[in-house]
Protein backbone atom coordinates (compact mmCIF):
# COMPACT_ATOMS: atom_id res chain seq x y z
CA UNK A 1 34.15 -13.07 5.38
CA UNK A 2 31.55 -11.00 3.60
CA UNK A 3 29.43 -7.91 4.30
CA UNK A 4 26.76 -7.19 1.73
CA UNK A 5 23.38 -5.61 0.99
CA UNK A 6 22.12 -8.28 -1.38
CA UNK A 7 18.75 -8.88 0.24
CA UNK A 8 15.39 -7.12 0.46
CA UNK A 9 15.97 -3.85 2.32
CA UNK A 10 19.77 -3.98 2.13
CA UNK A 11 21.69 -0.69 2.33
CA UNK A 12 25.35 -0.38 3.33
CA UNK A 13 28.75 0.88 2.22
CA UNK A 14 32.13 -0.30 3.57
CA UNK A 15 34.47 2.62 4.19
CA UNK A 16 37.48 0.80 5.66
CA UNK A 17 38.60 -2.32 7.50
CA UNK A 18 41.24 -2.17 10.24
CA UNK A 19 41.95 -5.43 12.07
CA UNK A 20 38.66 -6.35 13.81
CA UNK A 21 37.00 -2.98 13.21
CA UNK A 22 34.88 -2.33 10.12
CA UNK A 23 33.95 1.24 9.23
CA UNK A 24 30.56 1.52 7.57
CA UNK A 25 28.14 4.11 6.28
CA UNK A 26 24.79 4.01 4.55
CA UNK A 27 23.92 4.89 0.98
CA UNK A 28 21.69 7.92 0.57
CA UNK A 29 21.13 7.18 -3.12
CA UNK A 30 18.59 9.75 -4.37
CA UNK A 31 17.89 11.28 -0.94
CA UNK A 32 19.70 14.65 -1.27
CA UNK A 33 20.41 15.26 2.42
CA UNK A 34 21.57 13.14 5.32
CA UNK A 35 19.27 10.35 6.52
CA UNK A 36 19.98 7.37 8.74
CA UNK A 37 18.66 4.06 7.38
CA UNK A 38 21.01 1.12 6.87
CA UNK A 39 20.84 -2.69 6.85
CA UNK A 40 23.50 -5.28 6.06
CA UNK A 41 24.27 -8.97 6.18
CA UNK A 42 27.48 -10.36 7.69
CA UNK A 43 28.46 -13.85 6.51
CA UNK A 44 31.24 -16.24 7.51
CA UNK A 45 32.32 -14.37 10.66
CA UNK A 46 31.70 -17.36 12.96
CA UNK A 47 33.86 -17.25 16.10
CA UNK A 48 35.03 -13.67 15.56
CA UNK A 49 34.35 -10.52 17.58
CA UNK A 50 33.92 -7.53 15.28
CA UNK A 51 33.29 -3.85 15.97
CA UNK A 52 31.15 -2.06 13.39
CA UNK A 53 31.60 1.70 13.41
CA UNK A 54 29.46 4.41 11.81
CA UNK A 55 30.35 8.11 11.47
CA UNK A 56 27.26 9.61 13.17
CA UNK A 57 23.61 9.26 14.13
CA UNK A 58 23.11 5.78 12.75
CA UNK A 59 22.52 3.62 15.84
CA UNK A 60 19.55 3.88 18.20
CA UNK A 61 19.28 3.65 21.97
CA UNK A 62 19.25 -0.14 22.07
CA UNK A 63 21.94 -0.89 19.52
CA UNK A 64 21.15 -2.39 16.13
CA UNK A 65 18.25 -4.67 15.33
CA UNK A 66 19.52 -8.23 14.80
CA UNK A 67 18.00 -11.12 12.86
CA UNK A 68 19.03 -14.46 11.45
CA UNK A 69 16.15 -14.83 9.00
CA UNK A 70 14.77 -11.33 8.25
CA UNK A 71 11.61 -12.38 10.10
CA UNK A 72 12.36 -12.27 13.84
CA UNK A 73 14.19 -9.22 15.21
CA UNK A 74 15.72 -8.36 18.58
CA UNK A 75 17.69 -5.40 19.89
CA UNK A 76 21.37 -6.15 20.45
CA UNK A 77 21.53 -3.66 23.33
CA UNK A 78 23.40 -0.41 23.77
CA UNK A 79 27.16 -0.54 23.57
CA UNK A 80 29.79 1.63 25.21
CA UNK A 81 30.15 3.85 22.14
CA UNK A 82 27.39 5.94 20.64
CA UNK A 83 28.19 5.28 16.97
CA UNK A 84 29.52 1.73 17.12
CA UNK A 85 28.52 -1.76 18.20
CA UNK A 86 30.49 -4.93 18.83
CA UNK A 87 29.19 -8.39 18.04
CA UNK A 88 30.64 -11.79 18.89
CA UNK A 89 29.57 -14.30 16.24
CA UNK A 90 28.87 -17.72 17.68
CA UNK A 91 30.32 -20.79 15.99
CA UNK A 92 27.00 -21.62 14.31
CA UNK A 93 26.27 -18.08 13.12
CA UNK A 94 27.17 -18.13 9.45
CA UNK A 95 24.76 -15.35 8.50
CA UNK A 96 23.52 -12.46 10.65
CA UNK A 97 21.49 -9.42 9.60
CA UNK A 98 21.94 -6.06 11.29
CA UNK A 99 19.77 -2.99 10.72
CA UNK A 100 19.05 0.49 11.97
CA UNK A 101 15.60 -0.66 13.06
CA UNK A 102 13.33 -3.68 12.90
CA UNK A 103 12.63 -4.38 9.24
CA UNK A 104 9.30 -5.56 7.89
CA UNK A 105 9.74 -7.87 4.92
CA UNK A 106 7.06 -8.04 2.20
CA UNK A 107 7.08 -11.81 2.66
CA UNK A 108 5.75 -11.26 6.17
CA UNK A 109 2.78 -9.36 4.77
CA UNK A 110 2.17 -12.11 2.20
CA UNK A 111 2.14 -14.67 5.03
CA UNK A 112 -0.25 -12.45 7.00
CA UNK A 113 -2.61 -12.24 4.03
CA UNK A 114 -2.49 -16.01 3.51
CA UNK A 115 -3.19 -16.66 7.20
CA UNK A 116 -6.34 -14.54 6.98
CA UNK A 117 -7.44 -15.89 3.57
CA UNK A 118 -6.86 -12.53 1.92
CA UNK A 119 -5.83 -12.46 -1.72
CA UNK A 120 -2.92 -10.25 -2.75
CA UNK A 121 -4.00 -8.13 -5.70
CA UNK A 122 -1.86 -5.98 -7.97
CA UNK A 123 -2.27 -2.26 -7.37
CA UNK A 124 -0.04 -1.38 -10.33
CA UNK A 125 3.38 -2.01 -11.78
CA UNK A 126 6.14 -0.02 -10.09
CA UNK A 127 8.57 2.06 -12.11
CA UNK A 128 10.99 -0.86 -12.01
CA UNK A 129 8.34 -3.29 -13.19
CA UNK A 130 7.49 -4.94 -9.87
CA UNK A 131 3.94 -5.95 -9.01
CA UNK A 132 2.83 -3.68 -6.14
CA UNK A 133 0.57 -5.63 -3.75
CA UNK A 134 -2.62 -4.60 -1.99
CA UNK A 135 -5.48 -6.33 -0.21
CA UNK A 136 -9.13 -5.57 0.26
CA UNK A 137 -11.93 -7.03 2.35
CA UNK A 138 -15.44 -6.10 3.42
CA UNK A 139 -18.46 -5.08 1.41
CA UNK A 140 -20.02 -1.69 1.01
CA UNK A 141 -19.68 1.68 -0.61
CA UNK A 142 -17.81 3.31 2.28
CA UNK A 143 -14.02 2.93 2.05
CA UNK A 144 -11.33 2.83 4.72
CA UNK A 145 -8.03 3.42 2.93
CA UNK A 146 -4.91 2.27 4.79
CA UNK A 147 -1.36 2.88 3.58
CA UNK A 148 2.21 2.55 4.79
CA UNK A 149 5.78 2.97 3.54
CA UNK A 150 5.27 6.17 1.60
CA UNK A 151 8.87 6.53 2.79
CA UNK A 152 10.59 3.24 2.08
CA UNK A 153 12.66 2.92 5.27
CA UNK A 154 9.78 3.55 7.71
CA UNK A 155 9.07 -0.03 8.75
CA UNK A 156 7.46 0.54 12.14
CA UNK A 157 4.27 1.60 10.36
CA UNK A 158 3.88 -1.87 8.86
CA UNK A 159 3.72 -3.52 12.27
CA UNK A 160 1.04 -1.05 13.37
CA UNK A 161 -0.80 -1.63 10.09
CA UNK A 162 -0.76 -5.39 10.62
CA UNK A 163 -2.50 -4.92 13.96
CA UNK A 164 -5.03 -2.52 12.45
CA UNK A 165 -5.93 -5.09 9.81
CA UNK A 166 -6.28 -7.83 12.42
CA UNK A 167 -8.54 -5.59 14.45
CA UNK A 168 -10.73 -4.60 11.52
CA UNK A 169 -11.03 -8.20 10.39
CA UNK A 170 -12.29 -9.08 13.85
CA UNK A 171 -14.36 -5.98 14.62
CA UNK A 172 -15.51 -4.97 11.16
CA UNK A 173 -17.59 -2.00 10.12
CA UNK A 174 -20.96 -2.44 8.42
CA UNK A 175 -21.25 -1.42 4.76
CA UNK A 176 -17.53 -0.68 4.64
CA UNK A 177 -14.70 -1.90 2.42
CA UNK A 178 -11.08 -1.85 3.64
CA UNK A 179 -8.40 -1.22 1.03
CA UNK A 180 -4.80 -1.55 2.19
CA UNK A 181 -1.57 -0.68 0.35
CA UNK A 182 1.21 -1.83 2.71
CA UNK A 183 4.24 -0.75 0.61
CA UNK A 184 3.52 2.46 -1.26
CA UNK A 185 7.16 2.97 -2.29
CA UNK A 186 7.52 -0.68 -3.23
CA UNK A 187 10.73 -0.34 -5.24
CA UNK A 188 12.31 1.54 -2.35
CA UNK A 189 11.27 -1.12 0.16
CA UNK A 190 12.69 -3.89 -2.00
CA UNK A 191 15.91 -2.04 -2.83
CA UNK A 192 16.59 -0.70 0.68
CA UNK A 193 16.32 3.00 -0.16
CA UNK A 194 15.92 5.78 2.35
CA UNK A 195 12.88 6.99 0.41
CA UNK A 196 12.49 10.14 2.49
CA UNK A 197 12.72 13.33 0.39
CA UNK A 198 13.51 11.27 -2.67
CA UNK A 199 14.45 13.36 -5.74
CA UNK A 200 12.49 14.93 -7.39
CA UNK A 201 9.85 14.25 -4.74
CA UNK A 202 9.02 11.33 -2.53
CA UNK A 203 5.80 9.37 -2.56
CA UNK A 204 4.23 11.33 0.29
CA UNK A 205 4.76 14.59 -1.57
CA UNK A 206 3.19 13.25 -4.74
CA UNK A 207 -0.40 14.32 -4.10
CA UNK A 208 -0.30 17.73 -5.78
CA UNK A 209 -3.76 18.99 -6.52
CA UNK A 210 -3.15 20.30 -10.02
CA UNK A 211 -0.52 17.84 -11.18
CA UNK A 212 -0.55 14.13 -11.97
CA UNK A 213 1.47 11.83 -9.75
CA UNK A 214 4.96 10.88 -10.92
CA UNK A 215 4.81 7.52 -9.07
CA UNK A 216 2.53 4.72 -10.31
CA UNK A 217 1.60 3.76 -6.74
CA UNK A 218 0.35 7.21 -5.74
CA UNK A 219 -1.47 7.58 -9.04
CA UNK A 220 -3.29 4.30 -8.28
CA UNK A 221 -4.11 5.45 -4.74
CA UNK A 222 -5.57 8.68 -6.10
CA UNK A 223 -7.70 6.64 -8.49
CA UNK A 224 -9.07 4.56 -5.61
CA UNK A 225 -9.98 7.75 -3.78
CA UNK A 226 -11.51 9.44 -6.82
CA UNK A 227 -15.08 8.77 -5.71
CA UNK A 228 -14.43 9.63 -2.08
CA UNK A 229 -13.48 7.68 1.03
CA UNK A 230 -14.73 7.66 4.61
CA UNK A 231 -11.38 7.30 6.38
CA UNK A 232 -7.75 7.48 5.33
CA UNK A 233 -4.92 6.48 7.65
CA UNK A 234 -1.25 6.50 6.70
CA UNK A 235 1.36 4.82 8.91
CA UNK A 236 4.89 6.23 9.19
CA UNK A 237 8.04 6.34 11.27
CA UNK A 238 9.40 9.75 12.33
CA UNK A 239 13.00 11.01 12.56
CA UNK A 240 15.82 8.81 13.88
CA UNK A 241 15.17 9.58 17.57
CA UNK A 242 14.80 12.29 20.22
CA UNK A 243 11.92 14.06 21.97
CA UNK A 244 8.63 13.64 20.07
CA UNK A 245 10.34 11.15 17.74
CA UNK A 246 10.62 8.67 20.62
CA UNK A 247 6.82 8.47 20.89
CA UNK A 248 3.72 7.48 18.94
CA UNK A 249 1.79 10.50 17.68
CA UNK A 250 -0.83 11.69 15.23
CA UNK A 251 0.10 14.27 12.64
CA UNK A 252 -2.82 16.67 12.57
CA UNK A 253 -2.79 18.27 9.13
CA UNK A 254 -6.07 20.14 8.71
CA UNK A 255 -7.07 23.11 10.87
CA UNK A 256 -10.80 22.52 10.34
CA UNK A 257 -10.52 18.94 11.65
CA UNK A 258 -8.89 19.68 15.00
CA UNK A 259 -12.03 18.71 16.90
CA UNK A 260 -12.22 15.41 15.01
CA UNK A 261 -8.57 14.63 15.73
CA UNK A 262 -9.21 15.34 19.38
CA UNK A 263 -12.20 13.00 19.55
CA UNK A 264 -10.33 10.21 17.79
CA UNK A 265 -7.26 10.69 20.01
CA UNK A 266 -9.32 10.51 23.17
CA UNK A 267 -10.97 7.31 21.95
CA UNK A 268 -7.59 5.80 21.08
CA UNK A 269 -6.33 6.60 24.57
CA UNK A 270 -9.44 5.09 26.12
CA UNK A 271 -9.14 1.77 24.25
CA UNK A 272 -5.36 1.49 24.64
CA UNK A 273 -4.18 -1.62 26.48
CA UNK A 274 -1.12 -1.87 28.71
CA UNK A 275 0.48 -4.59 26.56
CA UNK A 276 0.69 -2.21 23.57
CA UNK A 277 3.08 0.57 22.67
CA UNK A 278 1.90 3.57 24.63
CA UNK A 279 -0.01 6.32 22.88
CA UNK A 280 -0.46 9.73 24.51
CA UNK A 281 -2.38 12.38 22.57
CA UNK A 282 -0.27 15.10 24.18
CA UNK A 283 2.47 14.06 21.74
CA UNK A 284 0.31 14.83 18.69
CA UNK A 285 1.70 17.54 16.43
CA UNK A 286 -0.60 20.39 15.41
CA UNK A 287 -0.79 22.01 11.96
CA UNK A 288 2.00 24.52 11.42
CA UNK A 289 4.11 23.27 14.33
CA UNK A 290 7.73 22.31 13.62
CA UNK A 291 7.81 20.45 10.27
CA UNK A 292 4.05 19.87 10.02
CA UNK A 293 2.99 22.00 7.08
CA UNK A 294 -0.82 21.97 6.72
CA UNK A 295 -0.59 22.64 2.98
CA UNK A 296 1.87 19.92 1.98
CA UNK A 297 0.82 17.65 -0.92
CA UNK A 298 0.59 14.58 1.33
CA UNK A 299 -1.72 11.57 1.47
CA UNK A 300 -3.59 12.94 4.50
CA UNK A 301 -4.17 16.39 3.00
CA UNK A 302 -5.30 14.91 -0.29
CA UNK A 303 -7.74 12.52 1.34
CA UNK A 304 -9.23 15.37 3.33
CA UNK A 305 -9.52 17.97 0.59
CA UNK A 306 -10.13 15.86 -2.53
CA UNK A 307 -11.50 12.54 -1.29
CA UNK A 308 -13.62 14.31 1.36
CA UNK A 309 -12.68 11.88 4.11
CA UNK A 310 -14.49 12.15 7.42
CA UNK A 311 -11.06 11.73 9.00
CA UNK A 312 -7.62 11.38 7.41
CA UNK A 313 -4.31 11.54 9.22
CA UNK A 314 -0.88 10.03 9.73
CA UNK A 315 0.27 7.99 12.70
CA UNK A 316 4.00 8.18 13.42
CA UNK A 317 5.55 5.36 15.44
CA UNK A 318 9.05 5.68 16.92
CA UNK A 319 11.82 3.41 15.67
CA UNK A 320 13.07 2.78 19.22
CA UNK A 321 10.80 4.36 21.84
CA UNK A 322 11.87 5.04 25.41
CA UNK A 323 13.12 2.69 28.16
CA UNK A 324 9.59 2.35 29.55
CA UNK A 325 8.04 2.08 26.09
CA UNK A 326 10.51 0.18 23.87
CA UNK A 327 9.47 -0.65 20.33
CA UNK A 328 8.90 -4.33 19.62
CA UNK A 329 6.86 -5.84 16.77
CA UNK A 330 4.47 -7.45 19.23
CA UNK A 331 3.72 -4.22 21.08
CA UNK A 332 3.29 -2.35 17.80
CA UNK A 333 0.82 -4.92 16.51
CA UNK A 334 -1.16 -4.63 19.75
CA UNK A 335 -1.30 -0.86 19.34
CA UNK A 336 -2.57 -1.43 15.81
CA UNK A 337 -5.41 -3.51 17.22
CA UNK A 338 -6.22 -0.65 19.59
CA UNK A 339 -6.18 1.72 16.63
CA UNK A 340 -8.69 -0.48 14.80
CA UNK A 341 -10.96 -0.48 17.83
CA UNK A 342 -10.69 3.32 17.96
CA UNK A 343 -11.80 3.51 14.32
CA UNK A 344 -14.85 1.40 15.10
CA UNK A 345 -15.74 3.39 18.22
CA UNK A 346 -15.17 6.70 16.44
CA UNK A 347 -17.41 5.59 13.58
CA UNK A 348 -20.22 4.88 16.04
CA UNK A 349 -20.07 8.54 17.11
CA UNK A 350 -19.70 9.96 13.62
C-alpha cells in the first residue's frame, strides 16, 4: 500500500497510520501561514476501506474530489465527519487520486489547444527551467490578455478560462488578438504548491510599479502589456469556503472604474445561462472591502494603471459552491463561455 505525491499537483504529508485510519496533512512549503490545498495518490488499497483524517479545514462540503486518471473528477460526497472521509476501494481500483478540489492538469490545456488547432508557445523559462506555455489567436493591434493560476492551487479558474477561450474562438472580436497564459505560477502548478502568499511574494503580488518582477512569468506578462492592452482578465479561486467564497464574483480593484465594472457585471448576468455556474453581481467585492486592497501590486491593478486597459479585473470562482450551485468542470466551462459573450457585448458598448 502506498500514499504519495509523485504526480503533477501532488501535495501531502503522512502524520500517522493507525489500523485503517491514516492521518494526513498538507505541505505549506514556502507559504508562511496556513492554507488548505492538498492532493495525493493512493495505490494498492484494492478491497480495503480506509478513513483519511485531516487536522482542520481541509475538506469541502462535498468531500474530496476523486479521479482515476487526473482528467475526470467527481465529488465523493460529504461524510459524517467534518475533517475526514472514508473510501472503500473496489477490487479493480489500484490507483485513486484524491484532492481538495478538482485539479486542472496542464495536459488538459495542451489537449484543448490541439483540439482547436492552437500552437503552444513558450512564454519564458520558469525559475526551475520549465517551458511556460501560452497561446495566442486573432489578428489586430488590440489585445485581450487572459491569465490564470497566479496562485498555483487555484484550479477552478482554469475551467472558466477554457470556456472563455472557446467562446472567444467562436464569437471573436474584430482587430483583436487574444493572448492567454493559463499557468502563471507554472512551477507551483507542476509541483503542487499552495502558491498563495509565497515567500518573498507570490506571482499576483509581483507587479510593483517601481520594481522589476522576481518571477520570469510575471516579467514576461509585463513585457506583453508594455504597449498597452484593451482588456485584462485574471481567473482565480478564493478562500477554502464560506459566505462570499462559495460564489462566483468579480474583484473590483479600481475606484475610477466602478461604473465599468457595473456595466460588465450587468451584461454578464444578462447573458448567463441556466446550465452554467451561477453569477450574481451582488457578490462582487468593492475596492477597500475586506481583503480587497485597491493599491495592491496585482495583475488587475497593473493592467489598469500601466497598460491602460479599458477594463481589467479578477474573477473568483468557488472551489465547491453551494448545494444549488455546485462546482463542476462542465458548469464552470459554460460560465466561461458566458463570460466570453459578455466581453463581446461589452466591447460593442465601449
